[in-house]
């Protein structure tokens, strides 16, 4: 009888251990998948070590995300729409829990040219009509395509900032505002489909955040802070405070350092 009780007790222990392991496995969650889409801002082109220090990497390091970055220098909205038909992008977008988009910067540059040359002869609004119309159509199709691939993913759209100073600031600001209005128009016409992260307001007047037109290391940190706030408020983030594992190196500063001290050449691998 004692032997039977002992056998029963051993079996019960194994059962309880099995339940414990099952409960532990249920508590261990897969990291959220975070996909970054867009142009050179998304890519982190203002810093040399963009893969380790751009805002997307900072966000991923802060929140423990599985992270993929598809930022491309010079990409316009039409190019992003085409990219969404690539097999690798389709796979990652389909699996993404969170997607952030920075697009329109290169459309903005084209619109600025329209203002400078076309705006001399006609109203500024008319000079922008063609650029804005095609951009808004592209943007609507971009979001629709993402939603078709992944109806559940959270889509965060970043507003465009104005890096210009001096006499062009007002003109550039006019073009940026018109492009940002496209995002707010989409949001009002399609409630709940996208979430807007107001990068423009956060970076406005912060000269240290820009290297010509691209975000500096500090700019990437401040963009990350804006998105981390949004993610935290959505219940998708661990913290509003960015985790900086690798300090960003501004591209121009790095180039100047190499010119001044060519004997100390640092390989691209260290900064990629």
Protein backbone atom coordinates (compact mmCIF):
# COMPACT_ATOMS: atom_id res chain seq x y z
CA UNK A 1 0.00 0.00 0.00
CA UNK A 2 2.87 2.37 0.87
CA UNK A 3 4.52 1.54 -2.44
CA UNK A 4 1.28 2.40 -4.32
CA UNK A 5 1.08 5.73 -2.50
CA UNK A 6 4.69 6.52 -3.39
CA UNK A 7 4.11 5.67 -7.07
CA UNK A 8 0.98 7.84 -7.09
CA UNK A 9 2.89 10.72 -5.47
CA UNK A 10 5.70 10.47 -8.06
CA UNK A 11 3.22 10.48 -10.93
CA UNK A 12 1.45 13.49 -9.41
CA UNK A 13 4.76 15.33 -9.13
CA UNK A 14 5.53 14.75 -12.81
CA UNK A 15 2.04 15.95 -13.76
CA UNK A 16 2.48 19.13 -11.70
CA UNK A 17 5.93 19.73 -13.21
CA UNK A 18 4.41 19.32 -16.67
CA UNK A 19 1.76 21.91 -15.87
CA UNK A 20 4.45 24.27 -14.57
CA UNK A 21 6.46 24.03 -17.79
CA UNK A 22 3.31 24.59 -19.85
CA UNK A 23 2.42 27.67 -17.81
CA UNK A 24 5.97 28.99 -18.19
CA UNK A 25 5.88 28.43 -21.95
CA UNK A 26 2.62 30.36 -22.15
CA UNK A 27 4.19 33.29 -20.26
CA UNK A 28 7.16 33.50 -22.68
CA UNK A 29 5.91 35.61 -25.57
CA UNK A 30 7.45 35.97 -28.99
CA UNK A 31 8.86 39.47 -29.57
CA UNK A 32 6.71 41.79 -31.64
CA UNK A 33 7.87 42.23 -35.22
CA UNK A 34 8.63 45.83 -36.19
CA UNK A 35 9.07 46.75 -39.87
CA UNK A 36 10.32 50.17 -40.99
CA UNK A 37 9.38 51.39 -44.47
CA UNK A 38 10.28 54.55 -46.32
CA UNK A 39 13.05 56.76 -47.61
CA UNK A 40 16.46 57.89 -46.36
CA UNK A 41 14.96 59.15 -43.09
CA UNK A 42 13.80 55.61 -42.33
CA UNK A 43 17.18 54.27 -43.39
CA UNK A 44 19.04 56.63 -41.05
CA UNK A 45 21.19 58.17 -43.78
CA UNK A 46 22.38 61.11 -41.65
CA UNK A 47 24.56 58.81 -39.56
CA UNK A 48 27.35 56.48 -40.63
CA UNK A 49 26.43 53.59 -38.32
CA UNK A 50 22.74 53.62 -39.24
CA UNK A 51 22.15 49.89 -38.77
CA UNK A 52 23.13 50.18 -35.11
CA UNK A 53 21.96 53.69 -34.21
CA UNK A 54 19.06 54.85 -36.41
CA UNK A 55 15.69 55.51 -34.78
CA UNK A 56 14.30 52.14 -35.87
CA UNK A 57 17.11 50.29 -34.13
CA UNK A 58 16.72 52.44 -31.01
CA UNK A 59 13.00 51.60 -30.87
CA UNK A 60 13.69 47.90 -31.40
CA UNK A 61 16.39 47.87 -28.69
CA UNK A 62 14.13 49.73 -26.26
CA UNK A 63 11.11 47.48 -26.70
CA UNK A 64 12.79 44.17 -27.58
CA UNK A 65 11.27 43.99 -31.05
CA UNK A 66 12.24 41.71 -33.92
CA UNK A 67 13.32 44.45 -36.36
CA UNK A 68 13.52 44.79 -40.16
CA UNK A 69 14.37 48.04 -41.99
CA UNK A 70 13.50 48.60 -45.66
CA UNK A 71 14.45 52.29 -45.83
CA UNK A 72 15.88 53.33 -49.22
CA UNK A 73 17.71 56.54 -50.11
CA UNK A 74 15.79 58.69 -52.59
CA UNK A 75 12.59 56.64 -52.38
CA UNK A 76 9.40 58.43 -53.37
CA UNK A 77 5.85 57.32 -52.63
CA UNK A 78 5.53 55.56 -56.00
CA UNK A 79 8.70 53.58 -55.24
CA UNK A 80 7.37 52.47 -51.87
CA UNK A 81 4.16 51.32 -53.50
CA UNK A 82 6.18 49.22 -55.97
CA UNK A 83 8.34 47.83 -53.16
CA UNK A 84 5.26 46.40 -51.47
CA UNK A 85 5.03 43.88 -54.32
CA UNK A 86 8.49 42.39 -53.66
CA UNK A 87 8.44 38.89 -52.19
CA UNK A 88 10.72 39.68 -49.23
CA UNK A 89 8.78 42.82 -48.33
CA UNK A 90 5.44 41.02 -48.67
CA UNK A 91 6.65 38.34 -46.26
CA UNK A 92 7.83 40.77 -43.58
CA UNK A 93 4.86 43.13 -43.91
CA UNK A 94 2.50 40.16 -43.66
CA UNK A 95 4.19 39.08 -40.40
CA UNK A 96 4.60 42.56 -38.88
CA UNK A 97 2.90 43.56 -35.65
CA UNK A 98 4.01 47.19 -36.10
CA UNK A 99 4.95 49.13 -39.24
CA UNK A 100 6.29 52.67 -39.22
CA UNK A 101 6.47 54.74 -42.40
CA UNK A 102 8.42 57.86 -43.28
CA UNK A 103 7.65 58.81 -46.87
CA UNK A 104 7.17 61.99 -48.81
CA UNK A 105 10.54 63.62 -48.21
CA UNK A 106 11.60 63.16 -51.81
CA UNK A 107 8.14 64.13 -53.05
CA UNK A 108 8.66 67.21 -50.87
CA UNK A 109 11.92 68.03 -52.66
CA UNK A 110 10.11 67.86 -55.97
CA UNK A 111 7.34 70.05 -54.62
CA UNK A 112 9.91 72.57 -53.45
CA UNK A 113 11.25 72.78 -57.00
CA UNK A 114 7.69 73.29 -58.22
CA UNK A 115 7.31 76.16 -55.80
CA UNK A 116 10.62 77.74 -56.72
CA UNK A 117 10.13 77.59 -60.48
CA UNK A 118 6.40 77.17 -61.05
CA UNK A 119 5.39 79.41 -58.18
CA UNK A 120 7.01 82.39 -59.80
CA UNK A 121 4.38 82.42 -62.53
CA UNK A 122 1.33 80.92 -60.83
CA UNK A 123 -0.15 80.57 -57.34
CA UNK A 124 1.86 78.41 -54.95
CA UNK A 125 -1.11 76.13 -54.35
CA UNK A 126 -1.49 75.50 -58.08
CA UNK A 127 2.23 74.74 -58.39
CA UNK A 128 1.80 71.98 -55.81
CA UNK A 129 -1.40 70.44 -57.16
CA UNK A 130 0.25 67.81 -59.34
CA UNK A 131 2.75 66.70 -56.71
CA UNK A 132 0.19 66.54 -53.92
CA UNK A 133 -2.42 64.76 -56.00
CA UNK A 134 -0.11 61.95 -57.05
CA UNK A 135 1.37 61.70 -53.55
CA UNK A 136 -2.02 61.32 -51.90
CA UNK A 137 -3.08 58.66 -54.43
CA UNK A 138 0.15 56.75 -53.79
CA UNK A 139 -0.26 57.06 -50.04
CA UNK A 140 -3.82 55.72 -50.12
CA UNK A 141 -2.66 52.77 -52.22
CA UNK A 142 0.31 52.13 -49.92
CA UNK A 143 -1.92 51.86 -46.86
CA UNK A 144 -4.51 49.77 -48.74
CA UNK A 145 -1.81 47.36 -49.92
CA UNK A 146 -0.41 46.99 -46.39
CA UNK A 147 -3.91 46.38 -45.02
CA UNK A 148 -4.56 43.71 -47.67
CA UNK A 149 -1.32 41.95 -46.69
CA UNK A 150 -1.87 42.35 -42.96
CA UNK A 151 -5.25 43.58 -41.68
CA UNK A 152 -4.13 43.50 -38.03
CA UNK A 153 -0.81 45.35 -38.07
CA UNK A 154 -0.46 48.76 -36.41
CA UNK A 155 0.58 51.37 -39.00
CA UNK A 156 2.37 54.46 -37.70
CA UNK A 157 2.93 57.31 -40.15
CA UNK A 158 5.54 59.95 -39.37
CA UNK A 159 4.92 63.58 -40.29
CA UNK A 160 7.61 65.28 -42.36
CA UNK A 161 9.86 67.85 -40.72
CA UNK A 162 11.21 71.10 -42.17
CA UNK A 163 15.04 71.13 -41.93
CA UNK A 164 15.44 74.38 -43.87
CA UNK A 165 16.86 77.57 -42.41
CA UNK A 166 17.23 81.08 -43.74
CA UNK A 167 15.19 82.48 -46.62
CA UNK A 168 13.90 79.10 -47.83
CA UNK A 169 12.42 78.09 -44.47
CA UNK A 170 9.01 79.67 -45.07
CA UNK A 171 8.70 78.28 -48.58
CA UNK A 172 9.85 74.81 -47.51
CA UNK A 173 7.51 74.90 -44.54
CA UNK A 174 4.60 75.62 -46.86
CA UNK A 175 5.38 72.52 -48.93
CA UNK A 176 5.92 70.31 -45.86
CA UNK A 177 2.62 71.40 -44.34
CA UNK A 178 0.76 70.57 -47.55
CA UNK A 179 2.26 67.07 -47.59
CA UNK A 180 1.55 66.51 -43.91
CA UNK A 181 -2.03 67.61 -44.52
CA UNK A 182 -2.32 64.55 -46.77
CA UNK A 183 -1.69 62.29 -43.76
CA UNK A 184 -4.27 64.07 -41.63
CA UNK A 185 -6.75 64.04 -44.47
CA UNK A 186 -6.34 60.26 -44.80
CA UNK A 187 -6.71 59.83 -41.05
CA UNK A 188 -9.96 61.82 -41.01
CA UNK A 189 -11.38 59.95 -44.01
CA UNK A 190 -10.29 56.53 -42.69
CA UNK A 191 -10.61 56.57 -38.88
CA UNK A 192 -8.57 54.00 -37.01
CA UNK A 193 -6.53 52.80 -39.99
CA UNK A 194 -3.31 54.69 -39.24
CA UNK A 195 -1.72 56.38 -36.25
CA UNK A 196 0.18 59.61 -36.88
CA UNK A 197 3.45 60.32 -35.05
CA UNK A 198 4.05 64.06 -35.11
CA UNK A 199 7.78 64.12 -35.76
CA UNK A 200 7.49 67.54 -37.43
CA UNK A 201 6.41 69.34 -34.28
CA UNK A 202 8.95 67.54 -32.08
CA UNK A 203 11.89 68.49 -34.33
CA UNK A 204 10.77 71.96 -35.38
CA UNK A 205 13.53 74.50 -34.76
CA UNK A 206 15.99 71.88 -33.46
CA UNK A 207 18.98 72.62 -35.70
CA UNK A 208 21.09 69.97 -33.94
CA UNK A 209 18.71 67.32 -35.26
CA UNK A 210 19.57 67.88 -38.93
CA UNK A 211 22.58 67.27 -41.13
CA UNK A 212 21.54 69.24 -44.23
CA UNK A 213 18.25 67.35 -44.74
CA UNK A 214 18.82 64.10 -42.85
CA UNK A 215 18.45 63.48 -39.11
CA UNK A 216 21.67 63.54 -37.10
CA UNK A 217 22.36 61.10 -34.28
CA UNK A 218 20.41 63.44 -31.99
CA UNK A 219 17.66 63.69 -34.59
CA UNK A 220 17.32 59.92 -34.67
CA UNK A 221 17.06 59.83 -30.88
CA UNK A 222 14.32 62.48 -30.91
CA UNK A 223 12.40 60.67 -33.66
CA UNK A 224 12.67 57.49 -31.61
CA UNK A 225 11.26 59.35 -28.59
CA UNK A 226 8.21 60.45 -30.58
CA UNK A 227 7.49 56.92 -31.78
CA UNK A 228 8.19 55.38 -28.39
CA UNK A 229 5.56 57.68 -26.87
CA UNK A 230 3.04 56.55 -29.49
CA UNK A 231 3.87 52.87 -29.00
CA UNK A 232 3.70 53.15 -25.22
CA UNK A 233 0.30 54.84 -25.44
CA UNK A 234 -0.90 52.04 -27.73
CA UNK A 235 0.20 49.44 -25.18
CA UNK A 236 2.91 48.11 -27.49
CA UNK A 237 6.00 49.54 -25.81
CA UNK A 238 8.01 48.84 -22.70
CA UNK A 239 9.24 52.38 -22.11
CA UNK A 240 9.07 55.95 -23.35
CA UNK A 241 12.78 56.39 -22.61
CA UNK A 242 15.04 55.32 -25.51
CA UNK A 243 17.70 52.68 -24.93
CA UNK A 244 20.90 53.78 -26.70
CA UNK A 245 23.14 50.76 -27.13
CA UNK A 246 25.32 52.40 -29.79
CA UNK A 247 25.95 56.12 -30.08
CA UNK A 248 25.21 57.46 -33.55
CA UNK A 249 28.06 58.94 -35.62
CA UNK A 250 27.06 61.91 -37.79
CA UNK A 251 28.12 61.30 -41.40
CA UNK A 252 29.65 64.73 -42.01
CA UNK A 253 31.53 64.70 -38.71
CA UNK A 254 32.92 61.26 -39.56
CA UNK A 255 34.01 62.42 -43.03
CA UNK A 256 35.73 65.49 -41.59
CA UNK A 257 37.49 63.36 -38.98
CA UNK A 258 38.86 61.06 -41.69
CA UNK A 259 40.06 64.03 -43.76
CA UNK A 260 41.82 65.55 -40.77
CA UNK A 261 43.30 62.23 -39.65
CA UNK A 262 43.56 59.94 -42.71
CA UNK A 263 45.99 57.60 -40.95
CA UNK A 264 43.19 56.51 -38.65
CA UNK A 265 40.82 54.95 -41.17
CA UNK A 266 37.94 53.12 -39.50
CA UNK A 267 36.42 50.35 -41.56
CA UNK A 268 32.85 50.65 -42.79
CA UNK A 269 32.02 47.43 -40.97
CA UNK A 270 32.49 49.14 -37.63
CA UNK A 271 29.98 51.79 -38.64
CA UNK A 272 27.35 49.71 -40.42
